[in-house]
Amino acid sequence: MSRSPAPHFPPPPDSPEVQHALARLDEHFGLSVGLAQVAYGYYRGLSQKEVAAWIGATFSAVHERTRRLFRALGVRTQTGVAGMVGSAIGLPCR
């Protein structure tokens, strides 16, 4: 089975656009930087593996952050996280 091409990676985690979004996530949900980065990656359509590459973390670290993120936001899916992020930063899911 062929896989669709990887989505276009978001700007680097230290870019002003991403830093603004992470600050909004902290304001709205009280997320740590690590959890907010994972949440933003899901909002931008990345998989766990792609989020790990984007933020320079291991897959297992992103997997654990995902579990904590689901619990913190009260959701069960990455799509649920993306919707919450879109609401917090005022933009629709991508």
C-alpha atoms as a PDB file:
ATOM      1  CA  MET A   1       0.000   0.000   0.000  1.00  0.00           C
ATOM      2  CA  SER A   2       1.472   3.353  -0.948  1.00  0.00           C
ATOM      3  CA  ARG A   3       1.486   6.193   1.487  1.00  0.00           C
ATOM      4  CA  SER A   4       0.537   9.731   0.578  1.00  0.00           C
ATOM      5  CA  PRO A   5       3.425  12.205   0.505  1.00  0.00           C
ATOM      6  CA  ALA A   6       4.488  13.719   3.801  1.00  0.00           C
ATOM      7  CA  PRO A   7       2.851  17.037   4.568  1.00  0.00           C
ATOM      8  CA  HIS A   8       4.859  20.182   4.245  1.00  0.00           C
ATOM      9  CA  PHE A   9       6.647  20.738   7.549  1.00  0.00           C
ATOM     10  CA  PRO A  10       5.656  23.844   9.488  1.00  0.00           C
ATOM     11  CA  PRO A  11       8.200  26.613  10.077  1.00  0.00           C
ATOM     12  CA  PRO A  12      10.951  25.726  12.583  1.00  0.00           C
ATOM     13  CA  PRO A  13       9.805  25.475  16.220  1.00  0.00           C
ATOM     14  CA  ASP A  14      11.742  28.639  17.114  1.00  0.00           C
ATOM     15  CA  SER A  15      10.125  30.755  14.360  1.00  0.00           C
ATOM     16  CA  PRO A  16       7.932  33.717  15.409  1.00  0.00           C
ATOM     17  CA  GLU A  17       4.803  32.106  13.907  1.00  0.00           C
ATOM     18  CA  VAL A  18       5.239  28.911  15.905  1.00  0.00           C
ATOM     19  CA  GLN A  19       6.315  30.728  19.079  1.00  0.00           C
ATOM     20  CA  HIS A  20       3.148  32.849  18.905  1.00  0.00           C
ATOM     21  CA  ALA A  21       1.005  29.722  18.527  1.00  0.00           C
ATOM     22  CA  LEU A  22       2.789  27.997  21.429  1.00  0.00           C
ATOM     23  CA  ALA A  23       2.193  31.045  23.633  1.00  0.00           C
ATOM     24  CA  ARG A  24      -1.520  30.944  22.776  1.00  0.00           C
ATOM     25  CA  LEU A  25      -1.647  27.252  23.707  1.00  0.00           C
ATOM     26  CA  ASP A  26      -0.007  28.026  27.036  1.00  0.00           C
ATOM     27  CA  GLU A  27      -2.542  30.823  27.658  1.00  0.00           C
ATOM     28  CA  HIS A  28      -5.563  28.688  26.765  1.00  0.00           C
ATOM     29  CA  PHE A  29      -4.588  25.283  28.111  1.00  0.00           C
ATOM     30  CA  GLY A  30      -1.494  25.750  30.286  1.00  0.00           C
ATOM     31  CA  LEU A  31       0.530  23.395  28.087  1.00  0.00           C
ATOM     32  CA  SER A  32       4.274  23.023  28.508  1.00  0.00           C
ATOM     33  CA  VAL A  33       6.429  23.891  25.513  1.00  0.00           C
ATOM     34  CA  GLY A  34       6.921  20.198  24.721  1.00  0.00           C
ATOM     35  CA  LEU A  35       3.201  19.410  24.768  1.00  0.00           C
ATOM     36  CA  ALA A  36       2.381  22.567  22.830  1.00  0.00           C
ATOM     37  CA  GLN A  37       4.919  21.667  20.124  1.00  0.00           C
ATOM     38  CA  VAL A  38       3.343  18.242  19.688  1.00  0.00           C
ATOM     39  CA  ALA A  39      -0.143  19.771  19.606  1.00  0.00           C
ATOM     40  CA  TYR A  40       0.928  22.316  16.977  1.00  0.00           C
ATOM     41  CA  GLY A  41       2.484  19.549  14.881  1.00  0.00           C
ATOM     42  CA  TYR A  42      -0.835  17.675  14.875  1.00  0.00           C
ATOM     43  CA  TYR A  43      -2.636  20.900  13.980  1.00  0.00           C
ATOM     44  CA  ARG A  44      -0.336  21.193  10.966  1.00  0.00           C
ATOM     45  CA  GLY A  45      -1.143  17.603   9.930  1.00  0.00           C
ATOM     46  CA  LEU A  46       2.050  15.832  11.004  1.00  0.00           C
ATOM     47  CA  SER A  47       2.191  12.234  12.225  1.00  0.00           C
ATOM     48  CA  GLN A  48       3.916  11.306  15.499  1.00  0.00           C
ATOM     49  CA  LYS A  49       7.042  10.317  13.569  1.00  0.00           C
ATOM     50  CA  GLU A  50       7.020  13.604  11.636  1.00  0.00           C
ATOM     51  CA  VAL A  51       6.463  15.633  14.823  1.00  0.00           C
ATOM     52  CA  ALA A  52       9.493  13.892  16.350  1.00  0.00           C
ATOM     53  CA  ALA A  53      11.639  14.857  13.353  1.00  0.00           C
ATOM     54  CA  TRP A  54      10.290  18.426  13.324  1.00  0.00           C
ATOM     55  CA  ILE A  55      11.027  19.118  17.008  1.00  0.00           C
ATOM     56  CA  GLY A  56      14.154  16.954  17.239  1.00  0.00           C
ATOM     57  CA  ALA A  57      12.735  14.463  19.753  1.00  0.00           C
ATOM     58  CA  THR A  58      12.530  10.693  19.804  1.00  0.00           C
ATOM     59  CA  PHE A  59       9.388   8.924  18.662  1.00  0.00           C
ATOM     60  CA  SER A  60       8.901   7.511  22.169  1.00  0.00           C
ATOM     61  CA  ALA A  61       9.091  11.009  23.688  1.00  0.00           C
ATOM     62  CA  VAL A  62       6.438  12.264  21.260  1.00  0.00           C
ATOM     63  CA  HIS A  63       4.301   9.186  21.944  1.00  0.00           C
ATOM     64  CA  GLU A  64       4.421   9.882  25.702  1.00  0.00           C
ATOM     65  CA  ARG A  65       3.692  13.581  25.175  1.00  0.00           C
ATOM     66  CA  THR A  66       0.730  12.578  23.017  1.00  0.00           C
ATOM     67  CA  ARG A  67      -0.720  10.492  25.855  1.00  0.00           C
ATOM     68  CA  ARG A  68      -0.299  13.431  28.254  1.00  0.00           C
ATOM     69  CA  LEU A  69      -1.728  15.839  25.685  1.00  0.00           C
ATOM     70  CA  PHE A  70      -4.863  13.730  25.161  1.00  0.00           C
ATOM     71  CA  ARG A  71      -5.398  13.664  28.918  1.00  0.00           C
ATOM     72  CA  ALA A  72      -4.763  17.413  29.317  1.00  0.00           C
ATOM     73  CA  LEU A  73      -7.167  18.386  26.531  1.00  0.00           C
ATOM     74  CA  GLY A  74      -9.763  15.686  27.191  1.00  0.00           C
ATOM     75  CA  VAL A  75      -9.570  14.288  23.657  1.00  0.00           C
ATOM     76  CA  ARG A  76      -8.820  10.852  22.239  1.00  0.00           C
ATOM     77  CA  THR A  77      -7.386  11.553  18.802  1.00  0.00           C
ATOM     78  CA  GLN A  78      -4.816  13.678  17.035  1.00  0.00           C
ATOM     79  CA  THR A  79      -7.684  15.226  15.073  1.00  0.00           C
ATOM     80  CA  GLY A  80      -9.278  16.225  18.366  1.00  0.00           C
ATOM     81  CA  VAL A  81      -6.024  17.908  19.367  1.00  0.00           C
ATOM     82  CA  ALA A  82      -5.882  19.724  16.008  1.00  0.00           C
ATOM     83  CA  GLY A  83      -9.397  21.082  16.502  1.00  0.00           C
ATOM     84  CA  MET A  84      -8.583  22.350  19.989  1.00  0.00           C
ATOM     85  CA  VAL A  85      -5.411  24.015  18.710  1.00  0.00           C
ATOM     86  CA  GLY A  86      -7.307  25.666  15.850  1.00  0.00           C
ATOM     87  CA  SER A  87      -9.841  27.051  18.322  1.00  0.00           C
ATOM     88  CA  ALA A  88      -7.127  28.353  20.632  1.00  0.00           C
ATOM     89  CA  ILE A  89      -5.086  30.109  17.971  1.00  0.00           C
ATOM     90  CA  GLY A  90      -8.129  31.267  16.035  1.00  0.00           C
ATOM     91  CA  LEU A  91      -7.551  29.375  12.816  1.00  0.00           C
ATOM     92  CA  PRO A  92      -9.289  26.365  11.225  1.00  0.00           C
ATOM     93  CA  CYS A  93      -7.502  23.000  11.055  1.00  0.00           C
ATOM     94  CA  ARG A  94      -5.120  22.643   8.149  1.00  0.00           C
END
